[in-house]
Amino acid sequence: MPVGEALSGRLASWGLLGRLLSGLAVGHYKICTRRFRRKVQSLERTYSGAHFSMVFLRYLVRKPHGFRYSQNTTPIVLLLLEPKRLLSLSTRSLVDAYWILETNRAILFGDSITPDPDKYMLSSTRENWPNSTKKILMLMIQTSNFANRLFDEIESIPQELRALDPRLDALAHEGLEIKERFLDWQAESQSEELPMGPFTKLAIIIYHALLLYHCGNFAYYPCWMARMIPQLTQSEVDKHVAAILDLSQTLLSDTDIPAVLLLFPLRMAGTHVLESHGQNRVLGAIRQIRQKGFVVSDRIELDLQEFWHYKLSILAEANEMRV
């Protein structure tokens, strides 16, 4: 088998993607952007094609600089890989891995995805992925960027002017359109009748999480009360949470999909459960992810514990006021 083909197969596998994501997630040291850029350029001068991809991957995973699962790291890598030049199959596999990482990182930590996804998400390495998986990842990017724009726009408008500001009317309308895209995705996926493999399960989990995330973003400000906005009933919320927890458990138990990809859905499920049984299921899944080597899950668990404590204090204050 040619070296390039062998490397492409390895880079495209979930096993290697898992090691890549683990290496990016567990680091503990800051990295100097200029030094990193020089290192990449040096590797590119020395290696080419599949050899560059493999050496670069080894550099990221094995070097002690600990590439952090945080802002401005993954976008740098994507920007260094010029989208217009001809890339080897293995390099395109690397770009795919980084896009999956960047999409999940951005939505978890509330960052915008700075590189233009339309220029990068064209790799032929995903030809064997279900179409539903490709589309839900693009919806994930669009939703994450919309959320940042939504909050920036609200904060730029004085509170006393928000009720009648036409910019918020436009955002509410756009929010309804995005929710409609989720429902269209679900209908299209059901019509395809795809086998419930790990890719399909992951896409469905992301779908449920995105609905919780997107509709929840309209619950923080009273300026939305008089507008038509994307919303979910409590019954719908409960169904989405149950689907995330059930399907996540099957992926954690039966597949080698990198467990870090489940942190965003589990965090969304966690912010919508207050009873101890549901919280324990969420924490159990997050701790399984921790056991697989993704220490970033500790931060998600801490966030949820603080959120639950805050919600309980709010409920306690409300009960005291009723007495």
C-alpha atoms as a PDB file:
ATOM      1  CA  MET A   1       0.000   0.000   0.000  1.00  0.00           C
ATOM      2  CA  PRO A   2       1.406   3.461  -0.866  1.00  0.00           C
ATOM      3  CA  VAL A   3       2.622   5.482   2.122  1.00  0.00           C
ATOM      4  CA  GLY A   4       0.253   8.365   1.344  1.00  0.00           C
ATOM      5  CA  GLU A   5      -2.754   6.040   1.214  1.00  0.00           C
ATOM      6  CA  ALA A   6      -1.824   4.385   4.492  1.00  0.00           C
ATOM      7  CA  LEU A   7      -1.345   7.701   6.231  1.00  0.00           C
ATOM      8  CA  SER A   8      -4.607   9.012   4.803  1.00  0.00           C
ATOM      9  CA  GLY A   9      -6.481   6.049   6.193  1.00  0.00           C
ATOM     10  CA  ARG A  10      -4.973   6.546   9.623  1.00  0.00           C
ATOM     11  CA  LEU A  11      -5.584  10.265   9.685  1.00  0.00           C
ATOM     12  CA  ALA A  12      -9.179   9.799   8.600  1.00  0.00           C
ATOM     13  CA  SER A  13      -9.888   7.266  11.342  1.00  0.00           C
ATOM     14  CA  TRP A  14     -11.741   8.212  14.511  1.00  0.00           C
ATOM     15  CA  GLY A  15      -8.995   6.562  16.557  1.00  0.00           C
ATOM     16  CA  LEU A  16      -6.337   8.967  15.396  1.00  0.00           C
ATOM     17  CA  LEU A  17      -8.770  11.873  15.540  1.00  0.00           C
ATOM     18  CA  GLY A  18      -9.402  10.935  19.145  1.00  0.00           C
ATOM     19  CA  ARG A  19      -5.687  11.063  19.919  1.00  0.00           C
ATOM     20  CA  LEU A  20      -5.427  14.396  18.135  1.00  0.00           C
ATOM     21  CA  LEU A  21      -8.307  15.889  20.103  1.00  0.00           C
ATOM     22  CA  SER A  22      -6.962  14.432  23.316  1.00  0.00           C
ATOM     23  CA  GLY A  23      -3.561  15.948  22.683  1.00  0.00           C
ATOM     24  CA  LEU A  24      -5.165  19.329  22.042  1.00  0.00           C
ATOM     25  CA  ALA A  25      -7.517  19.107  24.995  1.00  0.00           C
ATOM     26  CA  VAL A  26      -5.195  18.054  27.798  1.00  0.00           C
ATOM     27  CA  GLY A  27      -2.426  20.628  27.398  1.00  0.00           C
ATOM     28  CA  HIS A  28      -1.478  22.930  30.254  1.00  0.00           C
ATOM     29  CA  TYR A  29       0.877  25.493  28.718  1.00  0.00           C
ATOM     30  CA  LYS A  30       0.413  28.599  26.601  1.00  0.00           C
ATOM     31  CA  ILE A  31       1.885  28.610  23.129  1.00  0.00           C
ATOM     32  CA  CYS A  32       3.551  31.503  21.413  1.00  0.00           C
ATOM     33  CA  THR A  33       1.774  32.115  18.113  1.00  0.00           C
ATOM     34  CA  ARG A  34       4.876  33.403  16.359  1.00  0.00           C
ATOM     35  CA  ARG A  35       6.962  30.449  17.457  1.00  0.00           C
ATOM     36  CA  PHE A  36       4.253  28.025  16.429  1.00  0.00           C
ATOM     37  CA  ARG A  37       3.904  29.620  13.002  1.00  0.00           C
ATOM     38  CA  ARG A  38       7.675  29.387  12.458  1.00  0.00           C
ATOM     39  CA  LYS A  39       7.601  25.717  13.452  1.00  0.00           C
ATOM     40  CA  VAL A  40       4.838  24.925  10.977  1.00  0.00           C
ATOM     41  CA  GLN A  41       6.607  26.776   8.182  1.00  0.00           C
ATOM     42  CA  SER A  42       9.811  24.921   8.994  1.00  0.00           C
ATOM     43  CA  LEU A  43       8.020  21.580   8.806  1.00  0.00           C
ATOM     44  CA  GLU A  44       6.427  22.558   5.495  1.00  0.00           C
ATOM     45  CA  ARG A  45       9.839  23.365   4.011  1.00  0.00           C
ATOM     46  CA  THR A  46      11.209  20.012   5.132  1.00  0.00           C
ATOM     47  CA  TYR A  47       8.231  17.770   4.417  1.00  0.00           C
ATOM     48  CA  SER A  48       5.424  17.685   1.905  1.00  0.00           C
ATOM     49  CA  GLY A  49       2.016  16.093   1.456  1.00  0.00           C
ATOM     50  CA  ALA A  50       1.270  13.138   3.682  1.00  0.00           C
ATOM     51  CA  HIS A  51       4.684  13.316   5.363  1.00  0.00           C
ATOM     52  CA  PHE A  52       4.029  16.898   6.489  1.00  0.00           C
ATOM     53  CA  SER A  53       0.610  15.952   7.885  1.00  0.00           C
ATOM     54  CA  MET A  54       1.968  13.087   9.956  1.00  0.00           C
ATOM     55  CA  VAL A  55       5.012  14.961  11.262  1.00  0.00           C
ATOM     56  CA  PHE A  56       2.854  17.984  12.126  1.00  0.00           C
ATOM     57  CA  LEU A  57       0.376  15.789  13.937  1.00  0.00           C
ATOM     58  CA  ARG A  58       3.162  14.150  15.932  1.00  0.00           C
ATOM     59  CA  TYR A  59       4.531  17.584  16.788  1.00  0.00           C
ATOM     60  CA  LEU A  60       1.178  18.742  18.159  1.00  0.00           C
ATOM     61  CA  VAL A  61       0.438  15.619  20.170  1.00  0.00           C
ATOM     62  CA  ARG A  62       3.884  14.846  21.568  1.00  0.00           C
ATOM     63  CA  LYS A  63       5.512  18.226  22.201  1.00  0.00           C
ATOM     64  CA  PRO A  64       5.210  19.435  25.806  1.00  0.00           C
ATOM     65  CA  HIS A  65       3.881  22.884  24.851  1.00  0.00           C
ATOM     66  CA  GLY A  66       0.382  21.466  25.385  1.00  0.00           C
ATOM     67  CA  PHE A  67      -1.722  23.074  22.653  1.00  0.00           C
ATOM     68  CA  ARG A  68      -4.687  24.409  24.671  1.00  0.00           C
ATOM     69  CA  TYR A  69      -8.343  23.677  23.990  1.00  0.00           C
ATOM     70  CA  SER A  70      -9.102  27.383  24.032  1.00  0.00           C
ATOM     71  CA  GLN A  71      -9.459  30.517  21.949  1.00  0.00           C
ATOM     72  CA  ASN A  72      -7.247  31.327  18.932  1.00  0.00           C
ATOM     73  CA  THR A  73      -5.383  27.997  18.752  1.00  0.00           C
ATOM     74  CA  THR A  74      -7.285  25.883  16.283  1.00  0.00           C
ATOM     75  CA  PRO A  75      -8.134  28.840  13.980  1.00  0.00           C
ATOM     76  CA  ILE A  76      -4.396  29.481  13.596  1.00  0.00           C
ATOM     77  CA  VAL A  77      -3.848  25.980  12.297  1.00  0.00           C
ATOM     78  CA  LEU A  78      -6.739  26.301   9.859  1.00  0.00           C
ATOM     79  CA  LEU A  79      -5.480  29.643   8.591  1.00  0.00           C
ATOM     80  CA  LEU A  80      -1.984  28.241   8.079  1.00  0.00           C
ATOM     81  CA  LEU A  81      -3.386  25.553   5.794  1.00  0.00           C
ATOM     82  CA  GLU A  82      -4.103  27.690   2.724  1.00  0.00           C
ATOM     83  CA  PRO A  83      -7.482  26.519   1.330  1.00  0.00           C
ATOM     84  CA  LYS A  84      -6.730  27.410  -2.267  1.00  0.00           C
ATOM     85  CA  ARG A  85      -3.653  25.285  -2.712  1.00  0.00           C
ATOM     86  CA  LEU A  86      -3.762  21.612  -3.603  1.00  0.00           C
ATOM     87  CA  LEU A  87      -3.618  19.601  -0.391  1.00  0.00           C
ATOM     88  CA  SER A  88      -2.916  15.913  -0.064  1.00  0.00           C
ATOM     89  CA  LEU A  89      -5.686  13.626   1.135  1.00  0.00           C
ATOM     90  CA  SER A  90      -3.982  13.213   4.500  1.00  0.00           C
ATOM     91  CA  THR A  91      -3.649  16.981   4.945  1.00  0.00           C
ATOM     92  CA  ARG A  92      -7.329  17.412   4.127  1.00  0.00           C
ATOM     93  CA  SER A  93      -8.040  14.767   6.779  1.00  0.00           C
ATOM     94  CA  LEU A  94      -6.109  16.892   9.237  1.00  0.00           C
ATOM     95  CA  VAL A  95      -8.156  19.953   8.272  1.00  0.00           C
ATOM     96  CA  ASP A  96     -11.342  17.950   8.850  1.00  0.00           C
ATOM     97  CA  ALA A  97     -10.144  16.928  12.315  1.00  0.00           C
ATOM     98  CA  TYR A  98      -9.398  20.527  13.180  1.00  0.00           C
ATOM     99  CA  TRP A  99     -12.774  21.705  11.939  1.00  0.00           C
ATOM    100  CA  ILE A 100     -14.543  19.235  14.192  1.00  0.00           C
ATOM    101  CA  LEU A 101     -12.393  20.393  17.104  1.00  0.00           C
ATOM    102  CA  GLU A 102     -12.895  24.095  16.341  1.00  0.00           C
ATOM    103  CA  THR A 103     -16.659  23.769  15.964  1.00  0.00           C
ATOM    104  CA  ASN A 104     -17.001  22.098  19.348  1.00  0.00           C
ATOM    105  CA  ARG A 105     -14.506  24.408  21.069  1.00  0.00           C
ATOM    106  CA  ALA A 106     -16.186  27.575  19.812  1.00  0.00           C
ATOM    107  CA  ILE A 107     -19.712  26.628  20.829  1.00  0.00           C
ATOM    108  CA  LEU A 108     -18.567  25.324  24.230  1.00  0.00           C
ATOM    109  CA  PHE A 109     -16.683  28.462  25.172  1.00  0.00           C
ATOM    110  CA  GLY A 110     -18.808  31.067  23.404  1.00  0.00           C
ATOM    111  CA  ASP A 111     -16.278  32.034  20.741  1.00  0.00           C
ATOM    112  CA  SER A 112     -16.917  32.902  17.121  1.00  0.00           C
ATOM    113  CA  ILE A 113     -15.383  30.725  14.429  1.00  0.00           C
ATOM    114  CA  THR A 114     -13.103  33.173  12.655  1.00  0.00           C
ATOM    115  CA  PRO A 115     -11.981  31.348   9.483  1.00  0.00           C
ATOM    116  CA  ASP A 116     -14.562  31.114   6.727  1.00  0.00           C
ATOM    117  CA  PRO A 117     -15.913  27.528   6.866  1.00  0.00           C
ATOM    118  CA  ASP A 118     -17.003  27.660   3.240  1.00  0.00           C
ATOM    119  CA  LYS A 119     -13.338  27.832   2.203  1.00  0.00           C
ATOM    120  CA  TYR A 120     -12.242  24.894   4.305  1.00  0.00           C
ATOM    121  CA  MET A 121     -15.064  22.391   4.667  1.00  0.00           C
ATOM    122  CA  LEU A 122     -14.731  20.988   1.182  1.00  0.00           C
ATOM    123  CA  SER A 123     -12.530  18.008   1.894  1.00  0.00           C
ATOM    124  CA  SER A 124     -13.143  14.794   0.002  1.00  0.00           C
ATOM    125  CA  THR A 125     -12.198  12.843   3.144  1.00  0.00           C
ATOM    126  CA  ARG A 126     -15.790  13.194   4.329  1.00  0.00           C
ATOM    127  CA  GLU A 127     -17.322  11.609   1.250  1.00  0.00           C
ATOM    128  CA  ASN A 128     -18.174   8.518   3.294  1.00  0.00           C
ATOM    129  CA  TRP A 129     -19.823  10.548   6.045  1.00  0.00           C
ATOM    130  CA  PRO A 130     -23.626  10.648   6.030  1.00  0.00           C
ATOM    131  CA  ASN A 131     -24.924  13.834   4.456  1.00  0.00           C
ATOM    132  CA  SER A 132     -26.815  14.551   7.672  1.00  0.00           C
ATOM    133  CA  THR A 133     -23.527  14.689   9.610  1.00  0.00           C
ATOM    134  CA  LYS A 134     -21.983  17.216   7.237  1.00  0.00           C
ATOM    135  CA  LYS A 135     -25.068  19.432   7.384  1.00  0.00           C
ATOM    136  CA  ILE A 136     -25.427  19.374  11.162  1.00  0.00           C
ATOM    137  CA  LEU A 137     -21.793  20.437  11.587  1.00  0.00           C
ATOM    138  CA  MET A 138     -22.398  23.413   9.308  1.00  0.00           C
ATOM    139  CA  LEU A 139     -25.557  24.252  11.295  1.00  0.00           C
ATOM    140  CA  MET A 140     -23.467  24.054  14.453  1.00  0.00           C
ATOM    141  CA  ILE A 141     -21.048  26.650  13.071  1.00  0.00           C
ATOM    142  CA  GLN A 142     -23.859  28.950  11.925  1.00  0.00           C
ATOM    143  CA  THR A 143     -25.652  28.687  15.272  1.00  0.00           C
ATOM    144  CA  SER A 144     -22.516  29.394  17.285  1.00  0.00           C
ATOM    145  CA  ASN A 145     -21.680  32.485  15.252  1.00  0.00           C
ATOM    146  CA  PHE A 146     -25.296  33.690  15.386  1.00  0.00           C
ATOM    147  CA  ALA A 147     -25.319  33.389  19.184  1.00  0.00           C
ATOM    148  CA  ASN A 148     -22.282  35.627  19.501  1.00  0.00           C
ATOM    149  CA  ARG A 149     -23.811  38.185  17.148  1.00  0.00           C
ATOM    150  CA  LEU A 150     -27.112  37.998  19.066  1.00  0.00           C
ATOM    151  CA  PHE A 151     -25.578  38.833  22.440  1.00  0.00           C
ATOM    152  CA  ASP A 152     -23.245  41.489  21.006  1.00  0.00           C
ATOM    153  CA  GLU A 153     -26.182  43.237  19.346  1.00  0.00           C
ATOM    154  CA  ILE A 154     -28.344  43.198  22.474  1.00  0.00           C
ATOM    155  CA  GLU A 155     -25.557  44.558  24.649  1.00  0.00           C
ATOM    156  CA  SER A 156     -24.922  47.380  22.174  1.00  0.00           C
ATOM    157  CA  ILE A 157     -28.501  48.691  22.597  1.00  0.00           C
ATOM    158  CA  PRO A 158     -29.509  50.579  25.771  1.00  0.00           C
ATOM    159  CA  GLN A 159     -31.941  48.530  27.826  1.00  0.00           C
ATOM    160  CA  GLU A 160     -34.723  51.116  27.644  1.00  0.00           C
ATOM    161  CA  LEU A 161     -34.604  51.095  23.823  1.00  0.00           C
ATOM    162  CA  ARG A 162     -34.552  47.337  23.211  1.00  0.00           C
ATOM    163  CA  ALA A 163     -38.307  46.773  23.150  1.00  0.00           C
ATOM    164  CA  LEU A 164     -38.779  48.757  19.929  1.00  0.00           C
ATOM    165  CA  ASP A 165     -35.398  48.390  18.228  1.00  0.00           C
ATOM    166  CA  PRO A 166     -35.823  46.947  14.700  1.00  0.00           C
ATOM    167  CA  ARG A 167     -32.419  45.246  14.895  1.00  0.00           C
ATOM    168  CA  LEU A 168     -33.781  42.911  17.534  1.00  0.00           C
ATOM    169  CA  ASP A 169     -36.873  42.266  15.400  1.00  0.00           C
ATOM    170  CA  ALA A 170     -34.531  41.143  12.620  1.00  0.00           C
ATOM    171  CA  LEU A 171     -32.570  38.914  14.990  1.00  0.00           C
ATOM    172  CA  ALA A 172     -35.757  37.314  16.294  1.00  0.00           C
ATOM    173  CA  HIS A 173     -36.810  36.569  12.710  1.00  0.00           C
ATOM    174  CA  GLU A 174     -33.386  35.117  11.913  1.00  0.00           C
ATOM    175  CA  GLY A 175     -33.581  33.004  15.039  1.00  0.00           C
ATOM    176  CA  LEU A 176     -36.887  31.518  13.874  1.00  0.00           C
ATOM    177  CA  GLU A 177     -35.320  30.734  10.497  1.00  0.00           C
ATOM    178  CA  ILE A 178     -32.420  28.918  12.141  1.00  0.00           C
ATOM    179  CA  LYS A 179     -34.801  26.820  14.237  1.00  0.00           C
ATOM    180  CA  GLU A 180     -36.661  25.970  11.025  1.00  0.00           C
ATOM    181  CA  ARG A 181     -33.389  24.731   9.525  1.00  0.00           C
ATOM    182  CA  PHE A 182     -33.021  22.326  12.447  1.00  0.00           C
ATOM    183  CA  LEU A 183     -36.510  20.964  11.844  1.00  0.00           C
ATOM    184  CA  ASP A 184     -35.820  20.686   8.116  1.00  0.00           C
ATOM    185  CA  TRP A 185     -32.636  18.766   8.929  1.00  0.00           C
ATOM    186  CA  GLN A 186     -34.590  16.356  11.115  1.00  0.00           C
ATOM    187  CA  ALA A 187     -37.251  15.783   8.455  1.00  0.00           C
ATOM    188  CA  GLU A 188     -34.641  15.239   5.745  1.00  0.00           C
ATOM    189  CA  SER A 189     -32.638  12.856   7.935  1.00  0.00           C
ATOM    190  CA  GLN A 190     -35.708  10.806   8.747  1.00  0.00           C
ATOM    191  CA  SER A 191     -36.617  10.583   5.068  1.00  0.00           C
ATOM    192  CA  GLU A 192     -33.139   9.233   4.234  1.00  0.00           C
ATOM    193  CA  GLU A 193     -33.685   6.309   6.657  1.00  0.00           C
ATOM    194  CA  LEU A 194     -29.961   5.977   7.371  1.00  0.00           C
ATOM    195  CA  PRO A 195     -28.669   3.103   9.522  1.00  0.00           C
ATOM    196  CA  MET A 196     -28.051   4.193  13.112  1.00  0.00           C
ATOM    197  CA  GLY A 197     -24.277   4.093  12.954  1.00  0.00           C
ATOM    198  CA  PRO A 198     -22.045   6.225  15.186  1.00  0.00           C
ATOM    199  CA  PHE A 199     -21.928   9.152  12.731  1.00  0.00           C
ATOM    200  CA  THR A 200     -25.712   9.271  12.540  1.00  0.00           C
ATOM    201  CA  LYS A 201     -26.094   8.998  16.317  1.00  0.00           C
ATOM    202  CA  LEU A 202     -23.618  11.825  16.833  1.00  0.00           C
ATOM    203  CA  ALA A 203     -25.493  14.014  14.340  1.00  0.00           C
ATOM    204  CA  ILE A 204     -28.804  13.342  16.112  1.00  0.00           C
ATOM    205  CA  ILE A 205     -27.268  14.168  19.495  1.00  0.00           C
ATOM    206  CA  ILE A 206     -25.944  17.455  18.111  1.00  0.00           C
ATOM    207  CA  TYR A 207     -29.376  18.236  16.654  1.00  0.00           C
ATOM    208  CA  HIS A 208     -31.061  17.872  20.054  1.00  0.00           C
ATOM    209  CA  ALA A 209     -28.324  19.919  21.736  1.00  0.00           C
ATOM    210  CA  LEU A 210     -28.498  22.718  19.166  1.00  0.00           C
ATOM    211  CA  LEU A 211     -32.228  23.149  19.668  1.00  0.00           C
ATOM    212  CA  LEU A 212     -31.736  23.468  23.432  1.00  0.00           C
ATOM    213  CA  TYR A 213     -28.834  25.861  22.931  1.00  0.00           C
ATOM    214  CA  HIS A 214     -30.452  28.043  20.290  1.00  0.00           C
ATOM    215  CA  CYS A 215     -33.841  28.437  21.958  1.00  0.00           C
ATOM    216  CA  GLY A 216     -32.201  28.929  25.343  1.00  0.00           C
ATOM    217  CA  ASN A 217     -30.246  31.902  24.028  1.00  0.00           C
ATOM    218  CA  PHE A 218     -33.524  33.834  23.776  1.00  0.00           C
ATOM    219  CA  ALA A 219     -34.388  33.282  27.447  1.00  0.00           C
ATOM    220  CA  TYR A 220     -31.900  35.682  29.036  1.00  0.00           C
ATOM    221  CA  TYR A 221     -33.382  39.096  28.189  1.00  0.00           C
ATOM    222  CA  PRO A 222     -36.920  40.455  28.762  1.00  0.00           C
ATOM    223  CA  CYS A 223     -36.753  42.327  25.443  1.00  0.00           C
ATOM    224  CA  TRP A 224     -37.849  39.128  23.674  1.00  0.00           C
ATOM    225  CA  MET A 225     -41.130  38.772  25.576  1.00  0.00           C
ATOM    226  CA  ALA A 226     -43.190  40.757  23.052  1.00  0.00           C
ATOM    227  CA  ARG A 227     -41.562  39.163  19.996  1.00  0.00           C
ATOM    228  CA  MET A 228     -41.963  35.885  18.156  1.00  0.00           C
ATOM    229  CA  ILE A 229     -38.844  33.906  19.033  1.00  0.00           C
ATOM    230  CA  PRO A 230     -37.690  30.272  18.860  1.00  0.00           C
ATOM    231  CA  GLN A 231     -39.021  28.468  21.929  1.00  0.00           C
ATOM    232  CA  LEU A 232     -39.500  24.965  23.300  1.00  0.00           C
ATOM    233  CA  THR A 233     -42.199  23.641  25.619  1.00  0.00           C
ATOM    234  CA  GLN A 234     -41.067  21.858  28.776  1.00  0.00           C
ATOM    235  CA  SER A 235     -42.200  18.572  27.255  1.00  0.00           C
ATOM    236  CA  GLU A 236     -40.009  19.209  24.213  1.00  0.00           C
ATOM    237  CA  VAL A 237     -37.063  20.131  26.430  1.00  0.00           C
ATOM    238  CA  ASP A 238     -37.442  16.897  28.394  1.00  0.00           C
ATOM    239  CA  LYS A 239     -37.492  14.853  25.174  1.00  0.00           C
ATOM    240  CA  HIS A 240     -34.348  16.526  23.845  1.00  0.00           C
ATOM    241  CA  VAL A 241     -32.521  15.972  27.142  1.00  0.00           C
ATOM    242  CA  ALA A 242     -33.544  12.309  27.276  1.00  0.00           C
ATOM    243  CA  ALA A 243     -32.396  11.738  23.692  1.00  0.00           C
ATOM    244  CA  ILE A 244     -28.990  13.324  24.384  1.00  0.00           C
ATOM    245  CA  LEU A 245     -28.413  11.226  27.495  1.00  0.00           C
ATOM    246  CA  ASP A 246     -29.571   7.941  25.959  1.00  0.00           C
ATOM    247  CA  LEU A 247     -27.641   8.274  22.698  1.00  0.00           C
ATOM    248  CA  SER A 248     -24.518   9.659  24.386  1.00  0.00           C
ATOM    249  CA  GLN A 249     -24.356   6.608  26.600  1.00  0.00           C
ATOM    250  CA  THR A 250     -24.465   4.287  23.603  1.00  0.00           C
ATOM    251  CA  LEU A 251     -21.625   6.192  21.917  1.00  0.00           C
ATOM    252  CA  LEU A 252     -19.517   6.208  25.072  1.00  0.00           C
ATOM    253  CA  SER A 253     -20.031   2.469  25.486  1.00  0.00           C
ATOM    254  CA  ASP A 254     -19.925   1.074  21.968  1.00  0.00           C
ATOM    255  CA  THR A 255     -17.870   3.276  19.622  1.00  0.00           C
ATOM    256  CA  ASP A 256     -14.454   4.903  19.299  1.00  0.00           C
ATOM    257  CA  ILE A 257     -15.821   8.342  18.392  1.00  0.00           C
ATOM    258  CA  PRO A 258     -13.778  10.835  20.472  1.00  0.00           C
ATOM    259  CA  ALA A 259     -15.736  11.347  23.660  1.00  0.00           C
ATOM    260  CA  VAL A 260     -14.833  15.052  23.790  1.00  0.00           C
ATOM    261  CA  LEU A 261     -17.349  15.620  20.972  1.00  0.00           C
ATOM    262  CA  LEU A 262     -20.131  14.842  23.466  1.00  0.00           C
ATOM    263  CA  LEU A 263     -19.231  17.593  25.942  1.00  0.00           C
ATOM    264  CA  PHE A 264     -21.322  20.271  24.265  1.00  0.00           C
ATOM    265  CA  PRO A 265     -24.491  18.121  24.084  1.00  0.00           C
ATOM    266  CA  LEU A 266     -24.025  16.941  27.666  1.00  0.00           C
ATOM    267  CA  ARG A 267     -23.537  20.493  28.862  1.00  0.00           C
ATOM    268  CA  MET A 268     -26.782  21.491  27.138  1.00  0.00           C
ATOM    269  CA  ALA A 269     -28.589  18.565  28.734  1.00  0.00           C
ATOM    270  CA  GLY A 270     -27.114  19.502  32.105  1.00  0.00           C
ATOM    271  CA  THR A 271     -28.366  23.078  31.982  1.00  0.00           C
ATOM    272  CA  HIS A 272     -31.903  21.778  31.488  1.00  0.00           C
ATOM    273  CA  VAL A 273     -32.121  19.277  34.356  1.00  0.00           C
ATOM    274  CA  LEU A 274     -32.596  20.162  38.004  1.00  0.00           C
ATOM    275  CA  GLU A 275     -33.663  16.848  39.505  1.00  0.00           C
ATOM    276  CA  SER A 276     -30.855  14.755  41.026  1.00  0.00           C
ATOM    277  CA  HIS A 277     -31.435  11.715  38.800  1.00  0.00           C
ATOM    278  CA  GLY A 278     -30.921  13.685  35.604  1.00  0.00           C
ATOM    279  CA  GLN A 279     -27.916  15.516  37.040  1.00  0.00           C
ATOM    280  CA  ASN A 280     -26.303  12.242  38.054  1.00  0.00           C
ATOM    281  CA  ARG A 281     -26.747  10.861  34.533  1.00  0.00           C
ATOM    282  CA  VAL A 282     -25.093  13.949  33.069  1.00  0.00           C
ATOM    283  CA  LEU A 283     -22.202  13.812  35.549  1.00  0.00           C
ATOM    284  CA  GLY A 284     -21.766  10.092  34.979  1.00  0.00           C
ATOM    285  CA  ALA A 285     -21.335  10.625  31.247  1.00  0.00           C
ATOM    286  CA  ILE A 286     -18.953  13.571  31.725  1.00  0.00           C
ATOM    287  CA  ARG A 287     -16.820  11.523  34.117  1.00  0.00           C
ATOM    288  CA  GLN A 288     -16.648   8.727  31.571  1.00  0.00           C
ATOM    289  CA  ILE A 289     -15.230  11.284  29.144  1.00  0.00           C
ATOM    290  CA  ARG A 290     -12.687  12.300  31.805  1.00  0.00           C
ATOM    291  CA  GLN A 291     -11.641   8.663  32.203  1.00  0.00           C
ATOM    292  CA  LYS A 292     -10.922   8.539  28.469  1.00  0.00           C
ATOM    293  CA  GLY A 293      -8.297  11.257  28.908  1.00  0.00           C
ATOM    294  CA  PHE A 294     -10.178  14.480  28.140  1.00  0.00           C
ATOM    295  CA  VAL A 295      -9.471  16.581  31.220  1.00  0.00           C
ATOM    296  CA  VAL A 296     -11.353  19.546  29.722  1.00  0.00           C
ATOM    297  CA  SER A 297     -14.439  17.701  30.978  1.00  0.00           C
ATOM    298  CA  ASP A 298     -13.466  18.811  34.499  1.00  0.00           C
ATOM    299  CA  ARG A 299     -14.207  22.386  33.506  1.00  0.00           C
ATOM    300  CA  ILE A 300     -17.614  21.419  32.097  1.00  0.00           C
ATOM    301  CA  GLU A 301     -18.485  19.550  35.294  1.00  0.00           C
ATOM    302  CA  LEU A 302     -17.461  22.543  37.405  1.00  0.00           C
ATOM    303  CA  ASP A 303     -19.539  24.886  35.228  1.00  0.00           C
ATOM    304  CA  LEU A 304     -22.592  22.677  35.641  1.00  0.00           C
ATOM    305  CA  GLN A 305     -22.145  22.326  39.400  1.00  0.00           C
ATOM    306  CA  GLU A 306     -21.984  26.113  39.721  1.00  0.00           C
ATOM    307  CA  PHE A 307     -25.007  26.521  37.445  1.00  0.00           C
ATOM    308  CA  TRP A 308     -27.090  24.052  39.456  1.00  0.00           C
ATOM    309  CA  HIS A 309     -26.110  25.769  42.700  1.00  0.00           C
ATOM    310  CA  TYR A 310     -27.145  29.122  41.230  1.00  0.00           C
ATOM    311  CA  LYS A 311     -30.506  27.773  40.013  1.00  0.00           C
ATOM    312  CA  LEU A 312     -31.246  26.223  43.410  1.00  0.00           C
ATOM    313  CA  SER A 313     -30.475  29.517  45.157  1.00  0.00           C
ATOM    314  CA  ILE A 314     -32.856  31.339  42.800  1.00  0.00           C
ATOM    315  CA  LEU A 315     -35.606  28.787  43.476  1.00  0.00           C
ATOM    316  CA  ALA A 316     -35.025  29.051  47.215  1.00  0.00           C
ATOM    317  CA  GLU A 317     -35.347  32.847  47.089  1.00  0.00           C
ATOM    318  CA  ALA A 318     -38.537  32.560  45.062  1.00  0.00           C
ATOM    319  CA  ASN A 319     -40.036  30.130  47.599  1.00  0.00           C
ATOM    320  CA  GLU A 320     -39.144  32.461  50.472  1.00  0.00           C
ATOM    321  CA  MET A 321     -40.907  35.341  48.773  1.00  0.00           C
ATOM    322  CA  ARG A 322     -44.092  33.268  48.462  1.00  0.00           C
ATOM    323  CA  VAL A 323     -44.161  32.468  52.167  1.00  0.00           C
END
